[in-house]
Structure formats: C-alpha cells, structure tokens
Amino acid sequence: MKNEEDIYQKFESLADESSEENYILKLYVAGFSPKSNRAIQNIKEICETHLKGRYELQVIDLYQNPTLAQGEQIIAVPTLVKKLPLPLRKIIGDMSNQEKLLVGLDLRQQPD
C-alpha cells in the first residue's frame, strides 16, 4: 500500500506542476533606443517576478530582421506578443504600465 501512496503523491505533484502554463513571448523593438531598452527591462522584470522558470522571451530587433514585422503584423514598436498560452495577445508600448501588462498576460483579472 505504501508504494501506491508514493505513486499517487508523485502523480499529484506532477499534475500541480503542469497546471502552471509556460509562456512564449516575443518582444519586437526597433534598435536599442531608450524606449526599447525600457521595454526590455520592464518585461524581464515582470517575467522574473511573476513567471520565473516558466517563460521564454525572445527580443527581436526589427532593424536587424525587418521582414519579421510583416509576419506578425507589427505596426508599432515596442510590441510584446504573447504566443502561449492562448489567446494570443499584443501589447504596445514600453511595458511601464505594470497593471496593463499583467492583465494582458492573463496574470491578473481586469479591474471592473
């Protein structure tokens, strides 16, 4: 019986871990201007605070890869694209509005 209890406890702990979804984020910037640098720092801080160990952040400089903007339909920079978990979301700006960012990433409920 003890072996069955151990297996059950391991299964439960794995189920708890898998309920924490991993985030795939892409931040589109245009060069490393002060606004771009601010956006990078702000999103990294939010990710480390709220998503530590469960996010992948890719910073894409559209000066280096301009064709990538068309595929994602990026019309302004900086723009953060939350690919996963669904739904896909786009957040435009320097990511300094922490409340807006947390709501956009589905980490906090939208205030009424």
N, C-alpha and C. Protein backbone atom coordinates (compact mmCIF):
# COMPACT_ATOMS: atom_id res chain seq x y z
N MET A 1 0.80 -1.20 0.00
CA MET A 1 0.00 0.00 0.00
C MET A 1 0.85 1.28 0.00
N LYS A 2 1.95 1.25 0.75
CA LYS A 2 2.79 2.45 0.82
C LYS A 2 3.31 2.84 -0.56
N ASN A 3 3.66 1.85 -1.39
CA ASN A 3 4.14 2.13 -2.72
C ASN A 3 3.06 2.83 -3.56
N GLU A 4 1.81 2.40 -3.43
CA GLU A 4 0.72 3.03 -4.16
C GLU A 4 0.53 4.48 -3.70
N GLU A 5 0.66 4.73 -2.42
CA GLU A 5 0.54 6.09 -1.90
C GLU A 5 1.66 6.98 -2.44
N ASP A 6 2.88 6.45 -2.51
CA ASP A 6 4.01 7.21 -3.06
C ASP A 6 3.75 7.56 -4.52
N ILE A 7 3.26 6.61 -5.28
CA ILE A 7 2.97 6.85 -6.71
C ILE A 7 1.89 7.91 -6.84
N TYR A 8 0.86 7.81 -6.02
CA TYR A 8 -0.23 8.78 -6.06
C TYR A 8 0.28 10.18 -5.74
N GLN A 9 1.12 10.31 -4.71
CA GLN A 9 1.66 11.60 -4.33
C GLN A 9 2.54 12.20 -5.43
N LYS A 10 3.35 11.35 -6.07
CA LYS A 10 4.18 11.83 -7.18
C LYS A 10 3.31 12.30 -8.35
N PHE A 11 2.26 11.54 -8.64
CA PHE A 11 1.34 11.91 -9.71
C PHE A 11 0.68 13.25 -9.41
N GLU A 12 0.23 13.45 -8.17
CA GLU A 12 -0.40 14.71 -7.77
C GLU A 12 0.57 15.88 -7.90
N SER A 13 1.82 15.69 -7.48
CA SER A 13 2.78 16.79 -7.57
C SER A 13 3.09 17.13 -9.03
N LEU A 14 3.16 16.12 -9.89
CA LEU A 14 3.37 16.38 -11.32
C LEU A 14 2.18 17.10 -11.93
N ALA A 15 0.98 16.73 -11.53
CA ALA A 15 -0.23 17.39 -12.03
C ALA A 15 -0.25 18.85 -11.61
N ASP A 16 0.17 19.14 -10.38
CA ASP A 16 0.22 20.53 -9.91
C ASP A 16 1.22 21.34 -10.72
N GLU A 17 2.39 20.75 -11.01
CA GLU A 17 3.42 21.45 -11.78
C GLU A 17 2.93 21.75 -13.19
N SER A 18 2.23 20.80 -13.83
CA SER A 18 1.81 21.00 -15.21
C SER A 18 0.69 22.02 -15.34
N SER A 19 -0.01 22.33 -14.23
CA SER A 19 -1.09 23.32 -14.30
C SER A 19 -0.52 24.73 -14.45
N GLU A 20 0.75 24.92 -14.15
CA GLU A 20 1.40 26.21 -14.33
C GLU A 20 1.88 26.28 -15.78
N GLU A 21 1.18 27.07 -16.59
CA GLU A 21 1.48 27.10 -18.02
C GLU A 21 2.77 27.86 -18.30
N ASN A 22 3.47 27.42 -19.33
CA ASN A 22 4.65 28.13 -19.80
C ASN A 22 4.23 29.20 -20.78
N TYR A 23 4.93 30.32 -20.74
CA TYR A 23 4.63 31.46 -21.60
C TYR A 23 5.69 31.57 -22.69
N ILE A 24 5.24 31.82 -23.90
CA ILE A 24 6.15 32.12 -25.00
C ILE A 24 5.84 33.54 -25.43
N LEU A 25 6.84 34.41 -25.27
CA LEU A 25 6.69 35.84 -25.51
C LEU A 25 7.72 36.31 -26.52
N LYS A 26 7.28 37.22 -27.39
CA LYS A 26 8.19 37.86 -28.34
C LYS A 26 8.04 39.37 -28.19
N LEU A 27 9.17 40.03 -27.98
CA LEU A 27 9.17 41.48 -27.86
C LEU A 27 9.85 42.07 -29.09
N TYR A 28 9.09 42.83 -29.86
CA TYR A 28 9.60 43.46 -31.07
C TYR A 28 10.01 44.89 -30.73
N VAL A 29 11.26 45.22 -31.05
CA VAL A 29 11.81 46.55 -30.82
C VAL A 29 12.44 47.05 -32.11
N ALA A 30 12.72 48.36 -32.17
CA ALA A 30 13.40 48.95 -33.32
C ALA A 30 14.71 49.53 -32.82
N GLY A 31 15.76 48.76 -32.91
CA GLY A 31 17.06 49.19 -32.41
C GLY A 31 17.07 49.18 -30.90
N PHE A 32 18.09 49.76 -30.32
CA PHE A 32 18.18 49.77 -28.87
C PHE A 32 18.11 51.21 -28.36
N SER A 33 16.98 51.83 -28.68
CA SER A 33 16.68 53.18 -28.23
C SER A 33 16.34 53.14 -26.74
N PRO A 34 16.27 54.30 -26.09
CA PRO A 34 15.86 54.31 -24.68
C PRO A 34 14.49 53.63 -24.46
N LYS A 35 13.55 53.85 -25.37
CA LYS A 35 12.22 53.24 -25.24
C LYS A 35 12.31 51.72 -25.38
N SER A 36 13.11 51.24 -26.32
CA SER A 36 13.30 49.80 -26.48
C SER A 36 13.95 49.18 -25.25
N ASN A 37 14.98 49.84 -24.76
CA ASN A 37 15.69 49.34 -23.58
C ASN A 37 14.76 49.30 -22.36
N ARG A 38 13.92 50.33 -22.22
CA ARG A 38 12.96 50.36 -21.12
C ARG A 38 11.98 49.20 -21.23
N ALA A 39 11.49 48.94 -22.45
CA ALA A 39 10.54 47.83 -22.66
C ALA A 39 11.19 46.50 -22.31
N ILE A 40 12.44 46.31 -22.73
CA ILE A 40 13.15 45.05 -22.45
C ILE A 40 13.31 44.87 -20.94
N GLN A 41 13.75 45.92 -20.25
CA GLN A 41 13.94 45.82 -18.80
C GLN A 41 12.62 45.57 -18.08
N ASN A 42 11.57 46.29 -18.49
CA ASN A 42 10.27 46.14 -17.83
C ASN A 42 9.70 44.74 -18.00
N ILE A 43 9.76 44.19 -19.21
CA ILE A 43 9.18 42.86 -19.42
C ILE A 43 10.02 41.80 -18.73
N LYS A 44 11.33 41.96 -18.71
CA LYS A 44 12.18 40.99 -17.99
C LYS A 44 11.86 41.00 -16.50
N GLU A 45 11.66 42.18 -15.94
CA GLU A 45 11.34 42.30 -14.51
C GLU A 45 10.00 41.62 -14.21
N ILE A 46 8.99 41.85 -15.04
CA ILE A 46 7.67 41.22 -14.84
C ILE A 46 7.80 39.71 -14.95
N CYS A 47 8.52 39.24 -15.96
CA CYS A 47 8.67 37.80 -16.15
C CYS A 47 9.38 37.14 -14.98
N GLU A 48 10.45 37.76 -14.50
CA GLU A 48 11.19 37.18 -13.38
C GLU A 48 10.38 37.20 -12.09
N THR A 49 9.52 38.19 -11.94
CA THR A 49 8.70 38.30 -10.74
C THR A 49 7.51 37.35 -10.77
N HIS A 50 6.83 37.26 -11.93
CA HIS A 50 5.56 36.52 -11.99
C HIS A 50 5.63 35.19 -12.74
N LEU A 51 6.66 35.00 -13.55
CA LEU A 51 6.72 33.79 -14.39
C LEU A 51 8.05 33.06 -14.26
N LYS A 52 8.76 33.28 -13.20
CA LYS A 52 10.12 32.72 -13.05
C LYS A 52 10.16 31.23 -13.38
N GLY A 53 11.02 30.88 -14.33
CA GLY A 53 11.21 29.49 -14.71
C GLY A 53 10.15 28.93 -15.64
N ARG A 54 9.17 29.75 -16.04
CA ARG A 54 8.14 29.23 -16.93
C ARG A 54 7.83 30.18 -18.10
N TYR A 55 8.88 30.83 -18.58
CA TYR A 55 8.68 31.69 -19.74
C TYR A 55 9.88 31.62 -20.67
N GLU A 56 9.59 31.92 -21.92
CA GLU A 56 10.63 32.05 -22.94
C GLU A 56 10.40 33.40 -23.59
N LEU A 57 11.38 34.28 -23.50
CA LEU A 57 11.28 35.63 -24.04
C LEU A 57 12.29 35.79 -25.17
N GLN A 58 11.79 36.16 -26.32
CA GLN A 58 12.66 36.41 -27.46
C GLN A 58 12.54 37.89 -27.81
N VAL A 59 13.67 38.60 -27.85
CA VAL A 59 13.68 40.01 -28.23
C VAL A 59 14.12 40.07 -29.69
N ILE A 60 13.28 40.70 -30.52
CA ILE A 60 13.53 40.77 -31.95
C ILE A 60 13.71 42.23 -32.35
N ASP A 61 14.89 42.54 -32.86
CA ASP A 61 15.19 43.89 -33.33
C ASP A 61 14.78 43.98 -34.79
N LEU A 62 13.77 44.78 -35.06
CA LEU A 62 13.25 44.88 -36.43
C LEU A 62 14.21 45.62 -37.37
N TYR A 63 15.19 46.33 -36.82
CA TYR A 63 16.22 46.89 -37.68
C TYR A 63 17.08 45.77 -38.27
N GLN A 64 17.29 44.71 -37.49
CA GLN A 64 18.08 43.57 -37.95
C GLN A 64 17.25 42.60 -38.79
N ASN A 65 15.95 42.45 -38.47
CA ASN A 65 15.06 41.50 -39.15
C ASN A 65 13.74 42.17 -39.52
N PRO A 66 13.74 43.10 -40.45
CA PRO A 66 12.51 43.85 -40.76
C PRO A 66 11.37 42.99 -41.31
N THR A 67 11.67 41.88 -41.95
CA THR A 67 10.61 41.04 -42.53
C THR A 67 9.78 40.35 -41.45
N LEU A 68 10.31 40.21 -40.25
CA LEU A 68 9.56 39.56 -39.18
C LEU A 68 8.36 40.39 -38.72
N ALA A 69 8.39 41.68 -38.95
CA ALA A 69 7.27 42.55 -38.56
C ALA A 69 6.03 42.24 -39.39
N GLN A 70 6.22 41.94 -40.64
CA GLN A 70 5.09 41.68 -41.53
C GLN A 70 4.37 40.40 -41.13
N GLY A 71 5.11 39.35 -40.82
CA GLY A 71 4.50 38.08 -40.46
C GLY A 71 3.66 38.16 -39.20
N GLU A 72 4.05 39.00 -38.26
CA GLU A 72 3.31 39.17 -37.01
C GLU A 72 2.37 40.36 -37.05
N GLN A 73 2.36 41.07 -38.17
CA GLN A 73 1.54 42.28 -38.34
C GLN A 73 1.84 43.31 -37.25
N ILE A 74 3.12 43.59 -37.09
CA ILE A 74 3.57 44.58 -36.12
C ILE A 74 3.49 45.95 -36.78
N ILE A 75 2.73 46.85 -36.17
CA ILE A 75 2.57 48.19 -36.75
C ILE A 75 3.20 49.28 -35.89
N ALA A 76 3.58 48.95 -34.67
CA ALA A 76 4.22 49.89 -33.77
C ALA A 76 5.22 49.12 -32.91
N VAL A 77 6.24 49.82 -32.44
CA VAL A 77 7.21 49.19 -31.55
C VAL A 77 7.46 50.10 -30.36
N PRO A 78 7.79 49.54 -29.23
CA PRO A 78 7.88 48.13 -28.93
C PRO A 78 6.49 47.47 -28.86
N THR A 79 6.43 46.21 -29.28
CA THR A 79 5.22 45.40 -29.18
C THR A 79 5.58 44.05 -28.59
N LEU A 80 4.84 43.66 -27.56
CA LEU A 80 5.00 42.34 -26.96
C LEU A 80 3.90 41.45 -27.49
N VAL A 81 4.28 40.28 -27.99
CA VAL A 81 3.31 39.30 -28.47
C VAL A 81 3.35 38.09 -27.54
N LYS A 82 2.20 37.79 -26.94
CA LYS A 82 2.08 36.59 -26.10
C LYS A 82 1.55 35.49 -27.01
N LYS A 83 2.43 34.56 -27.37
CA LYS A 83 2.06 33.46 -28.25
C LYS A 83 1.32 32.36 -27.48
N LEU A 84 1.88 32.00 -26.34
CA LEU A 84 1.28 30.98 -25.49
C LEU A 84 1.37 31.44 -24.06
N PRO A 85 0.44 31.08 -23.21
CA PRO A 85 -0.76 30.32 -23.50
C PRO A 85 -1.77 31.17 -24.27
N LEU A 86 -2.62 30.50 -25.01
CA LEU A 86 -3.65 31.19 -25.77
C LEU A 86 -4.62 31.88 -24.82
N PRO A 87 -5.28 32.94 -25.20
CA PRO A 87 -5.31 33.53 -26.52
C PRO A 87 -4.09 34.40 -26.79
N LEU A 88 -3.76 34.54 -28.07
CA LEU A 88 -2.66 35.39 -28.50
C LEU A 88 -3.02 36.83 -28.11
N ARG A 89 -2.04 37.57 -27.60
CA ARG A 89 -2.26 38.96 -27.22
C ARG A 89 -1.09 39.80 -27.69
N LYS A 90 -1.39 41.07 -28.02
CA LYS A 90 -0.34 42.04 -28.36
C LYS A 90 -0.48 43.24 -27.45
N ILE A 91 0.65 43.66 -26.92
CA ILE A 91 0.69 44.80 -26.02
C ILE A 91 1.72 45.77 -26.59
N ILE A 92 1.29 47.01 -26.82
CA ILE A 92 2.16 48.01 -27.44
C ILE A 92 2.60 49.02 -26.38
N GLY A 93 3.87 49.42 -26.43
CA GLY A 93 4.39 50.44 -25.53
C GLY A 93 5.66 49.97 -24.85
N ASP A 94 6.13 50.76 -23.90
CA ASP A 94 7.41 50.44 -23.25
C ASP A 94 7.24 49.51 -22.04
N MET A 95 6.07 48.95 -21.87
CA MET A 95 5.77 47.95 -20.83
C MET A 95 5.90 48.54 -19.42
N SER A 96 5.76 49.87 -19.31
CA SER A 96 5.89 50.50 -17.99
C SER A 96 4.59 50.47 -17.20
N ASN A 97 3.44 50.27 -17.87
CA ASN A 97 2.17 50.16 -17.16
C ASN A 97 2.03 48.71 -16.69
N GLN A 98 2.48 48.46 -15.48
CA GLN A 98 2.55 47.10 -14.96
C GLN A 98 1.17 46.44 -14.88
N GLU A 99 0.17 47.19 -14.47
CA GLU A 99 -1.19 46.63 -14.34
C GLU A 99 -1.71 46.19 -15.71
N LYS A 100 -1.54 47.03 -16.72
CA LYS A 100 -1.98 46.70 -18.08
C LYS A 100 -1.24 45.46 -18.59
N LEU A 101 0.02 45.39 -18.29
CA LEU A 101 0.84 44.26 -18.73
C LEU A 101 0.41 42.96 -18.05
N LEU A 102 0.14 43.00 -16.76
CA LEU A 102 -0.30 41.81 -16.04
C LEU A 102 -1.66 41.33 -16.54
N VAL A 103 -2.56 42.25 -16.83
CA VAL A 103 -3.87 41.89 -17.38
C VAL A 103 -3.69 41.30 -18.78
N GLY A 104 -2.85 41.94 -19.59
CA GLY A 104 -2.59 41.46 -20.95
C GLY A 104 -1.97 40.08 -21.00
N LEU A 105 -1.19 39.75 -19.99
CA LEU A 105 -0.56 38.43 -19.92
C LEU A 105 -1.43 37.41 -19.19
N ASP A 106 -2.65 37.83 -18.81
CA ASP A 106 -3.58 36.97 -18.07
C ASP A 106 -3.02 36.53 -16.71
N LEU A 107 -2.25 37.41 -16.10
CA LEU A 107 -1.71 37.14 -14.77
C LEU A 107 -2.54 37.82 -13.69
N ARG A 108 -3.45 38.68 -14.10
CA ARG A 108 -4.32 39.39 -13.18
C ARG A 108 -5.63 39.67 -13.88
N GLN A 109 -6.72 39.61 -13.12
CA GLN A 109 -8.04 39.91 -13.68
C GLN A 109 -8.15 41.40 -13.98
N GLN A 110 -8.88 41.71 -15.04
CA GLN A 110 -9.11 43.10 -15.41
C GLN A 110 -9.99 43.75 -14.36
N PRO A 111 -9.59 44.93 -13.86
CA PRO A 111 -10.41 45.61 -12.84
C PRO A 111 -11.74 46.04 -13.44
N ASP A 112 -12.80 45.99 -12.63
CA ASP A 112 -14.13 46.38 -13.09
C ASP A 112 -14.31 47.87 -13.11
